[in-house]
Amino acid sequence: MDTNDKQYELNDYALELVHHKAWQLVGKAGFTQDDVEDIEQELILDLLERLPKFDPAKAAYNTFVARLVERKISNLIRHRTQDVRDYRREICSLNEDIDVGEDEPKQRLSTISQDEQDIRWGKYDLPAEERAHLQMDVDTVLADLPPDLRQAAELLQVHPIAQVAREMGVPHATFYDNHLTRLREAFAAKGLDGYLA
């Protein structure tokens, strides 16, 4: 057995990376949990085909593997979203009758909630229930703020920063330094920093 054969085997890092990246694709480009095993197989096959080109003088094994996996994922997404096979362009009538396991078929439109339609059309990023929870969390943070910060936060929900600074009679730079910094800290303290722009 050649001493270099080991570099062509998939180590634990490669297998863990493949598993992790396959699960990261769920919910993107129309991939679902049912696709994870197929994605893993495609990634592993691609790695096995390309590992003979690994040159330790050019990159570390883990770096080489990570780049191959990222490239293959990009290709999978590109392939999935090309106009011809784009899962988002599946044509069907919303008035088409479909079997929903009841006595009579229903029109497809009746199976799609308004909330789901709003998310698909980009009106909202989160489902209604999550938006309601977020609003409660924001209201809790606002209630604990001093009056000047509460006013700034409420104005920022509907106006750009420059306009809010003008309305509050504060120089733009001062507003950034005093108000925005303190607002970010207040929201971060409640675990809501991920929602700050």
N, C-alpha and C. Protein backbone atom coordinates (compact mmCIF):
# COMPACT_ATOMS: atom_id res chain seq x y z
N MET A 1 0.85 -1.18 0.00
CA MET A 1 0.00 0.00 0.00
C MET A 1 0.89 1.24 0.00
N ASP A 2 0.60 2.17 -0.89
CA ASP A 2 1.36 3.41 -0.99
C ASP A 2 1.10 4.27 0.24
N THR A 3 2.15 4.92 0.76
CA THR A 3 1.99 5.74 1.96
C THR A 3 1.14 6.98 1.70
N ASN A 4 0.97 7.34 0.45
CA ASN A 4 0.15 8.51 0.12
C ASN A 4 -1.33 8.19 0.00
N ASP A 5 -1.71 6.90 0.06
CA ASP A 5 -3.12 6.53 -0.10
C ASP A 5 -3.99 7.15 0.98
N LYS A 6 -3.47 7.35 2.17
CA LYS A 6 -4.27 7.86 3.28
C LYS A 6 -4.84 9.24 2.97
N GLN A 7 -4.11 10.06 2.23
CA GLN A 7 -4.59 11.41 1.93
C GLN A 7 -5.83 11.39 1.05
N TYR A 8 -6.14 10.26 0.42
CA TYR A 8 -7.31 10.18 -0.44
C TYR A 8 -8.55 9.67 0.29
N GLU A 9 -8.40 9.33 1.55
CA GLU A 9 -9.54 8.83 2.32
C GLU A 9 -10.28 10.00 2.96
N LEU A 10 -11.58 9.81 3.18
CA LEU A 10 -12.36 10.84 3.85
C LEU A 10 -12.20 10.66 5.35
N ASN A 11 -11.66 11.66 6.01
CA ASN A 11 -11.46 11.56 7.45
C ASN A 11 -12.72 12.05 8.18
N ASP A 12 -12.68 12.04 9.50
CA ASP A 12 -13.85 12.46 10.30
C ASP A 12 -14.23 13.89 10.01
N TYR A 13 -13.24 14.76 9.81
CA TYR A 13 -13.54 16.16 9.51
C TYR A 13 -14.38 16.26 8.25
N ALA A 14 -13.97 15.54 7.19
CA ALA A 14 -14.69 15.60 5.91
C ALA A 14 -16.12 15.10 6.07
N LEU A 15 -16.30 14.00 6.77
CA LEU A 15 -17.64 13.44 6.94
C LEU A 15 -18.53 14.34 7.78
N GLU A 16 -17.96 14.93 8.84
CA GLU A 16 -18.73 15.87 9.68
C GLU A 16 -19.12 17.11 8.88
N LEU A 17 -18.18 17.61 8.09
CA LEU A 17 -18.44 18.79 7.28
C LEU A 17 -19.56 18.52 6.27
N VAL A 18 -19.50 17.38 5.62
CA VAL A 18 -20.53 17.00 4.66
C VAL A 18 -21.90 16.94 5.34
N HIS A 19 -21.95 16.30 6.48
CA HIS A 19 -23.21 16.18 7.22
C HIS A 19 -23.74 17.56 7.61
N HIS A 20 -22.88 18.39 8.16
CA HIS A 20 -23.26 19.74 8.60
C HIS A 20 -23.75 20.59 7.43
N LYS A 21 -23.02 20.59 6.33
CA LYS A 21 -23.37 21.42 5.17
C LYS A 21 -24.65 20.93 4.50
N ALA A 22 -24.87 19.63 4.50
CA ALA A 22 -26.11 19.10 3.92
C ALA A 22 -27.32 19.60 4.71
N TRP A 23 -27.21 19.59 6.03
CA TRP A 23 -28.32 20.07 6.87
C TRP A 23 -28.49 21.57 6.73
N GLN A 24 -27.42 22.31 6.48
CA GLN A 24 -27.53 23.76 6.29
C GLN A 24 -28.31 24.11 5.03
N LEU A 25 -28.34 23.21 4.07
CA LEU A 25 -29.07 23.47 2.83
C LEU A 25 -30.59 23.34 2.99
N VAL A 26 -31.03 22.67 4.05
CA VAL A 26 -32.47 22.48 4.25
C VAL A 26 -33.13 23.85 4.36
N GLY A 27 -34.17 24.04 3.56
CA GLY A 27 -34.89 25.31 3.56
C GLY A 27 -34.34 26.31 2.56
N LYS A 28 -33.26 25.96 1.87
CA LYS A 28 -32.69 26.84 0.86
C LYS A 28 -32.88 26.21 -0.51
N ALA A 29 -33.19 27.03 -1.48
CA ALA A 29 -33.33 26.59 -2.88
C ALA A 29 -34.27 25.41 -3.03
N GLY A 30 -35.22 25.29 -2.11
CA GLY A 30 -36.21 24.22 -2.20
C GLY A 30 -35.77 22.89 -1.63
N PHE A 31 -34.60 22.82 -1.01
CA PHE A 31 -34.14 21.58 -0.41
C PHE A 31 -34.90 21.34 0.90
N THR A 32 -35.24 20.09 1.16
CA THR A 32 -35.96 19.72 2.38
C THR A 32 -35.16 18.68 3.15
N GLN A 33 -35.66 18.31 4.32
CA GLN A 33 -35.00 17.28 5.13
C GLN A 33 -34.90 15.97 4.36
N ASP A 34 -35.87 15.72 3.50
CA ASP A 34 -35.85 14.48 2.71
C ASP A 34 -34.67 14.44 1.74
N ASP A 35 -34.09 15.61 1.44
CA ASP A 35 -32.97 15.68 0.49
C ASP A 35 -31.61 15.50 1.14
N VAL A 36 -31.54 15.55 2.48
CA VAL A 36 -30.25 15.56 3.18
C VAL A 36 -29.38 14.37 2.79
N GLU A 37 -29.93 13.18 2.80
CA GLU A 37 -29.13 11.99 2.48
C GLU A 37 -28.60 12.06 1.06
N ASP A 38 -29.43 12.51 0.11
CA ASP A 38 -28.98 12.63 -1.28
C ASP A 38 -27.88 13.68 -1.41
N ILE A 39 -28.03 14.80 -0.68
CA ILE A 39 -27.01 15.85 -0.72
C ILE A 39 -25.70 15.31 -0.18
N GLU A 40 -25.76 14.60 0.95
CA GLU A 40 -24.54 14.02 1.53
C GLU A 40 -23.87 13.09 0.53
N GLN A 41 -24.65 12.25 -0.15
CA GLN A 41 -24.07 11.32 -1.11
C GLN A 41 -23.40 12.06 -2.26
N GLU A 42 -24.05 13.14 -2.74
CA GLU A 42 -23.45 13.92 -3.83
C GLU A 42 -22.15 14.58 -3.39
N LEU A 43 -22.14 15.11 -2.17
CA LEU A 43 -20.93 15.76 -1.67
C LEU A 43 -19.80 14.75 -1.50
N ILE A 44 -20.10 13.59 -0.95
CA ILE A 44 -19.08 12.55 -0.75
C ILE A 44 -18.54 12.05 -2.08
N LEU A 45 -19.43 11.81 -3.03
CA LEU A 45 -19.00 11.35 -4.35
C LEU A 45 -18.07 12.37 -5.00
N ASP A 46 -18.45 13.65 -4.92
CA ASP A 46 -17.62 14.70 -5.49
C ASP A 46 -16.25 14.75 -4.81
N LEU A 47 -16.24 14.62 -3.48
CA LEU A 47 -14.96 14.61 -2.75
C LEU A 47 -14.09 13.44 -3.20
N LEU A 48 -14.67 12.25 -3.27
CA LEU A 48 -13.90 11.07 -3.65
C LEU A 48 -13.32 11.20 -5.06
N GLU A 49 -14.08 11.84 -5.95
CA GLU A 49 -13.59 12.03 -7.32
C GLU A 49 -12.44 13.04 -7.39
N ARG A 50 -12.46 14.03 -6.49
CA ARG A 50 -11.49 15.12 -6.57
C ARG A 50 -10.30 14.99 -5.61
N LEU A 51 -10.40 14.13 -4.61
CA LEU A 51 -9.31 13.98 -3.64
C LEU A 51 -7.97 13.57 -4.26
N PRO A 52 -7.95 12.81 -5.34
CA PRO A 52 -6.64 12.49 -5.94
C PRO A 52 -5.87 13.73 -6.39
N LYS A 53 -6.55 14.87 -6.56
CA LYS A 53 -5.87 16.11 -6.96
C LYS A 53 -5.31 16.87 -5.75
N PHE A 54 -5.52 16.34 -4.55
CA PHE A 54 -5.03 17.02 -3.35
C PHE A 54 -3.51 17.08 -3.35
N ASP A 55 -2.99 18.29 -3.12
CA ASP A 55 -1.54 18.50 -3.06
C ASP A 55 -1.22 19.18 -1.73
N PRO A 56 -0.62 18.45 -0.77
CA PRO A 56 -0.32 19.04 0.54
C PRO A 56 0.63 20.23 0.48
N ALA A 57 1.31 20.41 -0.64
CA ALA A 57 2.21 21.57 -0.78
C ALA A 57 1.42 22.85 -1.06
N LYS A 58 0.18 22.70 -1.53
CA LYS A 58 -0.63 23.87 -1.88
C LYS A 58 -1.64 24.25 -0.79
N ALA A 59 -2.15 23.27 -0.05
CA ALA A 59 -3.16 23.56 0.98
C ALA A 59 -3.22 22.41 1.97
N ALA A 60 -3.74 22.72 3.14
CA ALA A 60 -3.96 21.67 4.14
C ALA A 60 -5.15 20.82 3.68
N TYR A 61 -5.17 19.58 4.13
CA TYR A 61 -6.24 18.65 3.75
C TYR A 61 -7.61 19.24 4.06
N ASN A 62 -7.80 19.74 5.29
CA ASN A 62 -9.10 20.27 5.70
C ASN A 62 -9.52 21.46 4.85
N THR A 63 -8.58 22.31 4.50
CA THR A 63 -8.87 23.46 3.65
C THR A 63 -9.31 23.00 2.27
N PHE A 64 -8.60 22.04 1.72
CA PHE A 64 -8.92 21.50 0.41
C PHE A 64 -10.33 20.91 0.42
N VAL A 65 -10.63 20.12 1.43
CA VAL A 65 -11.95 19.49 1.54
C VAL A 65 -13.04 20.56 1.67
N ALA A 66 -12.81 21.56 2.52
CA ALA A 66 -13.82 22.61 2.73
C ALA A 66 -14.11 23.35 1.43
N ARG A 67 -13.08 23.63 0.68
CA ARG A 67 -13.28 24.34 -0.60
C ARG A 67 -14.06 23.48 -1.59
N LEU A 68 -13.75 22.20 -1.64
CA LEU A 68 -14.49 21.31 -2.54
C LEU A 68 -15.96 21.24 -2.17
N VAL A 69 -16.22 21.11 -0.88
CA VAL A 69 -17.61 21.01 -0.41
C VAL A 69 -18.36 22.30 -0.72
N GLU A 70 -17.75 23.45 -0.44
CA GLU A 70 -18.41 24.73 -0.72
C GLU A 70 -18.69 24.89 -2.20
N ARG A 71 -17.74 24.51 -3.04
CA ARG A 71 -17.93 24.62 -4.48
C ARG A 71 -19.07 23.72 -4.95
N LYS A 72 -19.12 22.50 -4.44
CA LYS A 72 -20.18 21.58 -4.84
C LYS A 72 -21.54 22.09 -4.39
N ILE A 73 -21.62 22.66 -3.18
CA ILE A 73 -22.89 23.20 -2.69
C ILE A 73 -23.34 24.36 -3.58
N SER A 74 -22.42 25.22 -3.96
CA SER A 74 -22.76 26.32 -4.87
C SER A 74 -23.32 25.78 -6.17
N ASN A 75 -22.70 24.73 -6.68
CA ASN A 75 -23.18 24.12 -7.92
C ASN A 75 -24.57 23.50 -7.75
N LEU A 76 -24.80 22.86 -6.60
CA LEU A 76 -26.12 22.26 -6.35
C LEU A 76 -27.19 23.34 -6.31
N ILE A 77 -26.91 24.44 -5.64
CA ILE A 77 -27.88 25.54 -5.56
C ILE A 77 -28.10 26.15 -6.94
N ARG A 78 -27.02 26.40 -7.65
CA ARG A 78 -27.14 26.98 -8.99
C ARG A 78 -27.96 26.06 -9.90
N HIS A 79 -27.67 24.78 -9.84
CA HIS A 79 -28.40 23.82 -10.66
C HIS A 79 -29.88 23.82 -10.29
N ARG A 80 -30.16 23.88 -9.00
CA ARG A 80 -31.54 23.81 -8.51
C ARG A 80 -32.35 25.05 -8.87
N THR A 81 -31.68 26.20 -8.98
CA THR A 81 -32.40 27.45 -9.20
C THR A 81 -32.33 27.96 -10.64
N GLN A 82 -31.74 27.19 -11.54
CA GLN A 82 -31.73 27.61 -12.94
C GLN A 82 -33.17 27.68 -13.43
N ASP A 83 -33.44 28.64 -14.31
CA ASP A 83 -34.80 28.91 -14.77
C ASP A 83 -35.56 27.65 -15.18
N VAL A 84 -34.89 26.76 -15.89
CA VAL A 84 -35.58 25.58 -16.40
C VAL A 84 -36.09 24.68 -15.30
N ARG A 85 -35.31 24.52 -14.22
CA ARG A 85 -35.70 23.57 -13.18
C ARG A 85 -35.92 24.24 -11.83
N ASP A 86 -36.08 25.56 -11.82
CA ASP A 86 -36.25 26.30 -10.58
C ASP A 86 -37.51 25.82 -9.84
N TYR A 87 -37.31 25.27 -8.64
CA TYR A 87 -38.42 24.75 -7.86
C TYR A 87 -39.47 25.82 -7.58
N ARG A 88 -39.05 27.11 -7.57
CA ARG A 88 -39.99 28.19 -7.28
C ARG A 88 -40.90 28.49 -8.45
N ARG A 89 -40.56 27.98 -9.64
CA ARG A 89 -41.34 28.28 -10.83
C ARG A 89 -42.27 27.14 -11.21
N GLU A 90 -42.49 26.23 -10.33
CA GLU A 90 -43.41 25.14 -10.61
C GLU A 90 -44.78 25.73 -10.91
N ILE A 91 -45.29 25.43 -12.08
CA ILE A 91 -46.55 26.03 -12.50
C ILE A 91 -47.71 25.13 -12.13
N CYS A 92 -48.65 25.72 -11.43
CA CYS A 92 -49.88 25.01 -11.11
C CYS A 92 -50.94 26.07 -10.85
N SER A 93 -52.16 25.71 -11.02
CA SER A 93 -53.26 26.62 -10.78
C SER A 93 -53.65 26.58 -9.32
N LEU A 94 -53.85 27.76 -8.73
CA LEU A 94 -54.32 27.80 -7.35
C LEU A 94 -55.77 27.36 -7.25
N ASN A 95 -56.46 27.32 -8.40
CA ASN A 95 -57.85 26.86 -8.41
C ASN A 95 -57.97 25.36 -8.69
N GLU A 96 -56.83 24.72 -8.90
CA GLU A 96 -56.82 23.28 -9.17
C GLU A 96 -57.30 22.52 -7.94
N ASP A 97 -58.15 21.52 -8.15
CA ASP A 97 -58.60 20.66 -7.05
C ASP A 97 -57.51 19.66 -6.72
N ILE A 98 -57.21 19.54 -5.42
CA ILE A 98 -56.21 18.57 -4.98
C ILE A 98 -56.79 17.72 -3.86
N ASP A 99 -56.27 16.51 -3.75
CA ASP A 99 -56.72 15.59 -2.71
C ASP A 99 -56.00 15.93 -1.41
N VAL A 100 -56.79 16.23 -0.37
CA VAL A 100 -56.21 16.57 0.92
C VAL A 100 -56.59 15.54 1.98
N GLY A 101 -57.05 14.37 1.52
CA GLY A 101 -57.37 13.30 2.45
C GLY A 101 -58.74 13.43 3.09
N GLU A 102 -59.58 14.27 2.53
CA GLU A 102 -60.94 14.43 3.05
C GLU A 102 -61.91 13.84 2.04
N ASP A 103 -63.20 13.96 2.33
CA ASP A 103 -64.22 13.39 1.45
C ASP A 103 -64.15 13.97 0.04
N GLU A 104 -63.97 15.28 -0.04
CA GLU A 104 -63.93 15.92 -1.34
C GLU A 104 -62.61 16.69 -1.50
N PRO A 105 -62.13 16.79 -2.74
CA PRO A 105 -60.91 17.56 -2.96
C PRO A 105 -61.15 19.05 -2.67
N LYS A 106 -60.08 19.77 -2.42
CA LYS A 106 -60.17 21.21 -2.17
C LYS A 106 -59.32 21.94 -3.19
N GLN A 107 -59.66 23.21 -3.39
CA GLN A 107 -58.83 24.02 -4.27
C GLN A 107 -57.50 24.28 -3.56
N ARG A 108 -56.43 24.24 -4.35
CA ARG A 108 -55.09 24.44 -3.82
C ARG A 108 -55.00 25.73 -2.99
N LEU A 109 -55.68 26.79 -3.43
CA LEU A 109 -55.64 28.07 -2.74
C LEU A 109 -56.09 27.96 -1.28
N SER A 110 -57.05 27.09 -1.02
CA SER A 110 -57.58 26.96 0.34
C SER A 110 -56.59 26.27 1.28
N THR A 111 -55.52 25.69 0.73
CA THR A 111 -54.54 25.00 1.58
C THR A 111 -53.35 25.89 1.94
N ILE A 112 -53.32 27.10 1.37
CA ILE A 112 -52.21 28.01 1.63
C ILE A 112 -52.70 29.14 2.53
N SER A 113 -52.12 29.24 3.71
CA SER A 113 -52.55 30.26 4.66
C SER A 113 -52.11 31.64 4.20
N GLN A 114 -52.80 32.66 4.68
CA GLN A 114 -52.42 34.04 4.36
C GLN A 114 -51.00 34.32 4.85
N ASP A 115 -50.68 33.77 6.01
CA ASP A 115 -49.34 33.96 6.57
C ASP A 115 -48.28 33.40 5.63
N GLU A 116 -48.50 32.21 5.11
CA GLU A 116 -47.56 31.58 4.18
C GLU A 116 -47.45 32.39 2.90
N GLN A 117 -48.58 32.91 2.42
CA GLN A 117 -48.55 33.74 1.22
C GLN A 117 -47.73 35.01 1.46
N ASP A 118 -47.93 35.64 2.62
CA ASP A 118 -47.19 36.86 2.95
C ASP A 118 -45.70 36.61 2.98
N ILE A 119 -45.28 35.48 3.54
CA ILE A 119 -43.86 35.16 3.60
C ILE A 119 -43.31 34.88 2.20
N ARG A 120 -44.05 34.13 1.41
CA ARG A 120 -43.58 33.81 0.05
C ARG A 120 -43.44 35.05 -0.81
N TRP A 121 -44.32 36.03 -0.60
CA TRP A 121 -44.28 37.26 -1.39
C TRP A 121 -43.31 38.28 -0.80
N GLY A 122 -42.67 37.95 0.32
CA GLY A 122 -41.67 38.82 0.91
C GLY A 122 -42.24 39.94 1.78
N LYS A 123 -43.53 39.86 2.09
CA LYS A 123 -44.12 40.88 2.95
C LYS A 123 -43.54 40.79 4.36
N TYR A 124 -43.30 39.57 4.82
CA TYR A 124 -42.71 39.33 6.14
C TYR A 124 -41.61 38.30 6.01
N ASP A 125 -40.66 38.36 6.96
CA ASP A 125 -39.59 37.37 7.01
C ASP A 125 -39.93 36.22 7.95
N LEU A 126 -40.83 36.49 8.91
CA LEU A 126 -41.15 35.51 9.94
C LEU A 126 -42.63 35.17 9.91
N PRO A 127 -42.99 33.94 10.34
CA PRO A 127 -44.40 33.59 10.46
C PRO A 127 -45.09 34.45 11.52
N ALA A 128 -46.41 34.55 11.45
CA ALA A 128 -47.19 35.41 12.34
C ALA A 128 -46.91 35.14 13.81
N GLU A 129 -46.83 33.87 14.18
CA GLU A 129 -46.60 33.53 15.59
C GLU A 129 -45.25 34.06 16.07
N GLU A 130 -44.22 33.89 15.25
CA GLU A 130 -42.90 34.39 15.62
C GLU A 130 -42.88 35.92 15.65
N ARG A 131 -43.61 36.56 14.71
CA ARG A 131 -43.69 38.02 14.73
C ARG A 131 -44.37 38.50 16.00
N ALA A 132 -45.40 37.79 16.45
CA ALA A 132 -46.11 38.18 17.68
C ALA A 132 -45.18 38.06 18.89
N HIS A 133 -44.43 36.97 18.96
CA HIS A 133 -43.47 36.79 20.07
C HIS A 133 -42.40 37.88 20.03
N LEU A 134 -41.91 38.18 18.84
CA LEU A 134 -40.90 39.22 18.71
C LEU A 134 -41.45 40.56 19.16
N GLN A 135 -42.70 40.87 18.75
CA GLN A 135 -43.30 42.14 19.15
C GLN A 135 -43.44 42.23 20.67
N MET A 136 -43.80 41.12 21.31
CA MET A 136 -43.89 41.12 22.78
C MET A 136 -42.52 41.38 23.41
N ASP A 137 -41.49 40.75 22.84
CA ASP A 137 -40.13 40.97 23.35
C ASP A 137 -39.69 42.43 23.17
N VAL A 138 -39.99 42.99 22.00
CA VAL A 138 -39.64 44.38 21.73
C VAL A 138 -40.39 45.31 22.68
N ASP A 139 -41.69 45.04 22.88
CA ASP A 139 -42.49 45.87 23.79
C ASP A 139 -41.92 45.83 25.21
N THR A 140 -41.43 44.66 25.63
CA THR A 140 -40.83 44.53 26.95
C THR A 140 -39.58 45.40 27.07
N VAL A 141 -38.74 45.37 26.03
CA VAL A 141 -37.52 46.18 26.03
C VAL A 141 -37.90 47.66 26.05
N LEU A 142 -38.85 48.06 25.20
CA LEU A 142 -39.26 49.47 25.12
C LEU A 142 -39.79 49.96 26.46
N ALA A 143 -40.56 49.13 27.16
CA ALA A 143 -41.15 49.52 28.44
C ALA A 143 -40.07 49.82 29.48
N ASP A 144 -38.92 49.16 29.37
CA ASP A 144 -37.84 49.36 30.35
C ASP A 144 -36.89 50.50 30.00
N LEU A 145 -37.08 51.12 28.82
CA LEU A 145 -36.16 52.18 28.38
C LEU A 145 -36.51 53.52 29.02
N PRO A 146 -35.51 54.37 29.22
CA PRO A 146 -35.80 55.74 29.65
C PRO A 146 -36.57 56.45 28.52
N PRO A 147 -37.31 57.52 28.84
CA PRO A 147 -38.17 58.17 27.85
C PRO A 147 -37.47 58.57 26.55
N ASP A 148 -36.25 59.13 26.62
CA ASP A 148 -35.58 59.57 25.40
C ASP A 148 -35.24 58.39 24.48
N LEU A 149 -34.81 57.29 25.07
CA LEU A 149 -34.49 56.10 24.25
C LEU A 149 -35.75 55.45 23.70
N ARG A 150 -36.82 55.43 24.50
CA ARG A 150 -38.09 54.86 24.03
C ARG A 150 -38.59 55.65 22.83
N GLN A 151 -38.53 57.00 22.93
CA GLN A 151 -38.96 57.85 21.82
C GLN A 151 -38.13 57.55 20.58
N ALA A 152 -36.82 57.45 20.75
CA ALA A 152 -35.93 57.16 19.61
C ALA A 152 -36.27 55.81 18.99
N ALA A 153 -36.46 54.80 19.82
CA ALA A 153 -36.77 53.45 19.32
C ALA A 153 -38.09 53.44 18.56
N GLU A 154 -39.10 54.12 19.09
CA GLU A 154 -40.41 54.14 18.42
C GLU A 154 -40.33 54.88 17.09
N LEU A 155 -39.59 55.99 17.06
CA LEU A 155 -39.43 56.74 15.81
C LEU A 155 -38.64 55.93 14.78
N LEU A 156 -37.64 55.18 15.24
CA LEU A 156 -36.81 54.38 14.33
C LEU A 156 -37.59 53.26 13.66
N GLN A 157 -38.73 52.90 14.23
CA GLN A 157 -39.53 51.85 13.61
C GLN A 157 -40.17 52.32 12.30
N VAL A 158 -40.28 53.65 12.13
CA VAL A 158 -40.96 54.16 10.93
C VAL A 158 -40.17 55.20 10.14
N HIS A 159 -39.06 55.70 10.72
CA HIS A 159 -38.29 56.75 10.06
C HIS A 159 -36.81 56.39 9.99
N PRO A 160 -36.10 56.94 8.99
CA PRO A 160 -34.65 56.72 8.93
C PRO A 160 -33.93 57.46 10.05
N ILE A 161 -32.72 57.03 10.34
CA ILE A 161 -31.94 57.56 11.45
C ILE A 161 -31.78 59.08 11.37
N ALA A 162 -31.43 59.61 10.19
CA ALA A 162 -31.20 61.05 10.06
C ALA A 162 -32.45 61.84 10.43
N GLN A 163 -33.61 61.37 10.00
CA GLN A 163 -34.86 62.07 10.31
C GLN A 163 -35.18 62.01 11.80
N VAL A 164 -34.93 60.85 12.43
CA VAL A 164 -35.17 60.72 13.87
C VAL A 164 -34.28 61.66 14.64
N ALA A 165 -33.01 61.76 14.26
CA ALA A 165 -32.09 62.67 14.94
C ALA A 165 -32.58 64.10 14.82
N ARG A 166 -33.04 64.49 13.61
CA ARG A 166 -33.58 65.85 13.42
C ARG A 166 -34.80 66.09 14.30
N GLU A 167 -35.74 65.12 14.29
CA GLU A 167 -36.97 65.28 15.07
C GLU A 167 -36.69 65.39 16.56
N MET A 168 -35.63 64.73 17.01
CA MET A 168 -35.29 64.79 18.43
C MET A 168 -34.37 65.96 18.76
N GLY A 169 -33.98 66.74 17.73
CA GLY A 169 -33.14 67.90 17.94
C GLY A 169 -31.73 67.56 18.38
N VAL A 170 -31.23 66.41 17.90
CA VAL A 170 -29.90 65.94 18.30
C VAL A 170 -29.03 65.86 17.04
N PRO A 171 -27.78 66.33 17.10
CA PRO A 171 -26.90 66.16 15.94
C PRO A 171 -26.77 64.68 15.57
N HIS A 172 -26.62 64.45 14.29
CA HIS A 172 -26.56 63.09 13.76
C HIS A 172 -25.51 62.24 14.48
N ALA A 173 -24.29 62.77 14.60
CA ALA A 173 -23.20 62.01 15.24
C ALA A 173 -23.51 61.74 16.71
N THR A 174 -24.09 62.71 17.37
CA THR A 174 -24.45 62.54 18.79
C THR A 174 -25.53 61.47 18.93
N PHE A 175 -26.48 61.49 18.00
CA PHE A 175 -27.55 60.49 18.04
C PHE A 175 -26.96 59.08 17.92
N TYR A 176 -26.03 58.91 16.98
CA TYR A 176 -25.35 57.61 16.83
C TYR A 176 -24.66 57.21 18.13
N ASP A 177 -23.85 58.12 18.65
CA ASP A 177 -23.04 57.80 19.82
C ASP A 177 -23.88 57.55 21.08
N ASN A 178 -24.87 58.38 21.31
CA ASN A 178 -25.64 58.29 22.55
C ASN A 178 -26.86 57.37 22.46
N HIS A 179 -27.69 57.61 21.47
CA HIS A 179 -28.96 56.87 21.40
C HIS A 179 -28.80 55.47 20.80
N LEU A 180 -28.21 55.41 19.61
CA LEU A 180 -28.11 54.11 18.94
C LEU A 180 -27.27 53.12 19.73
N THR A 181 -26.17 53.57 20.27
CA THR A 181 -25.31 52.68 21.04
C THR A 181 -26.06 52.11 22.24
N ARG A 182 -26.77 52.97 22.95
CA ARG A 182 -27.52 52.52 24.13
C ARG A 182 -28.69 51.62 23.73
N LEU A 183 -29.35 51.92 22.61
CA LEU A 183 -30.45 51.05 22.15
C LEU A 183 -29.93 49.66 21.79
N ARG A 184 -28.81 49.62 21.08
CA ARG A 184 -28.22 48.32 20.72
C ARG A 184 -27.87 47.51 21.97
N GLU A 185 -27.32 48.19 22.96
CA GLU A 185 -26.97 47.50 24.21
C GLU A 185 -28.22 46.98 24.91
N ALA A 186 -29.30 47.77 24.93
CA ALA A 186 -30.54 47.35 25.59
C ALA A 186 -31.14 46.14 24.90
N PHE A 187 -31.16 46.15 23.56
CA PHE A 187 -31.73 45.02 22.82
C PHE A 187 -30.82 43.80 22.91
N ALA A 188 -29.51 44.01 22.87
CA ALA A 188 -28.57 42.90 22.99
C ALA A 188 -28.70 42.24 24.35
N ALA A 189 -28.93 43.03 25.39
CA ALA A 189 -29.05 42.47 26.74
C ALA A 189 -30.26 41.53 26.86
N LYS A 190 -31.25 41.73 26.01
CA LYS A 190 -32.45 40.87 26.01
C LYS A 190 -32.37 39.80 24.93
N GLY A 191 -31.21 39.67 24.29
CA GLY A 191 -31.03 38.64 23.27
C GLY A 191 -31.67 38.97 21.94
N LEU A 192 -31.95 40.24 21.69
CA LEU A 192 -32.62 40.64 20.44
C LEU A 192 -31.67 41.34 19.48
N ASP A 193 -30.37 41.25 19.73
CA ASP A 193 -29.41 41.94 18.87
C ASP A 193 -29.44 41.42 17.43
N GLY A 194 -29.89 40.19 17.21
CA GLY A 194 -29.97 39.64 15.86
C GLY A 194 -30.99 40.35 14.98
N TYR A 195 -31.89 41.11 15.59
CA TYR A 195 -32.92 41.82 14.82
C TYR A 195 -32.56 43.27 14.57
N LEU A 196 -31.41 43.72 15.07
CA LEU A 196 -31.00 45.09 14.87
C LEU A 196 -30.31 45.23 13.52
N ALA A 197 -30.59 46.33 12.83
CA ALA A 197 -29.97 46.55 11.51
C ALA A 197 -28.57 47.08 11.68
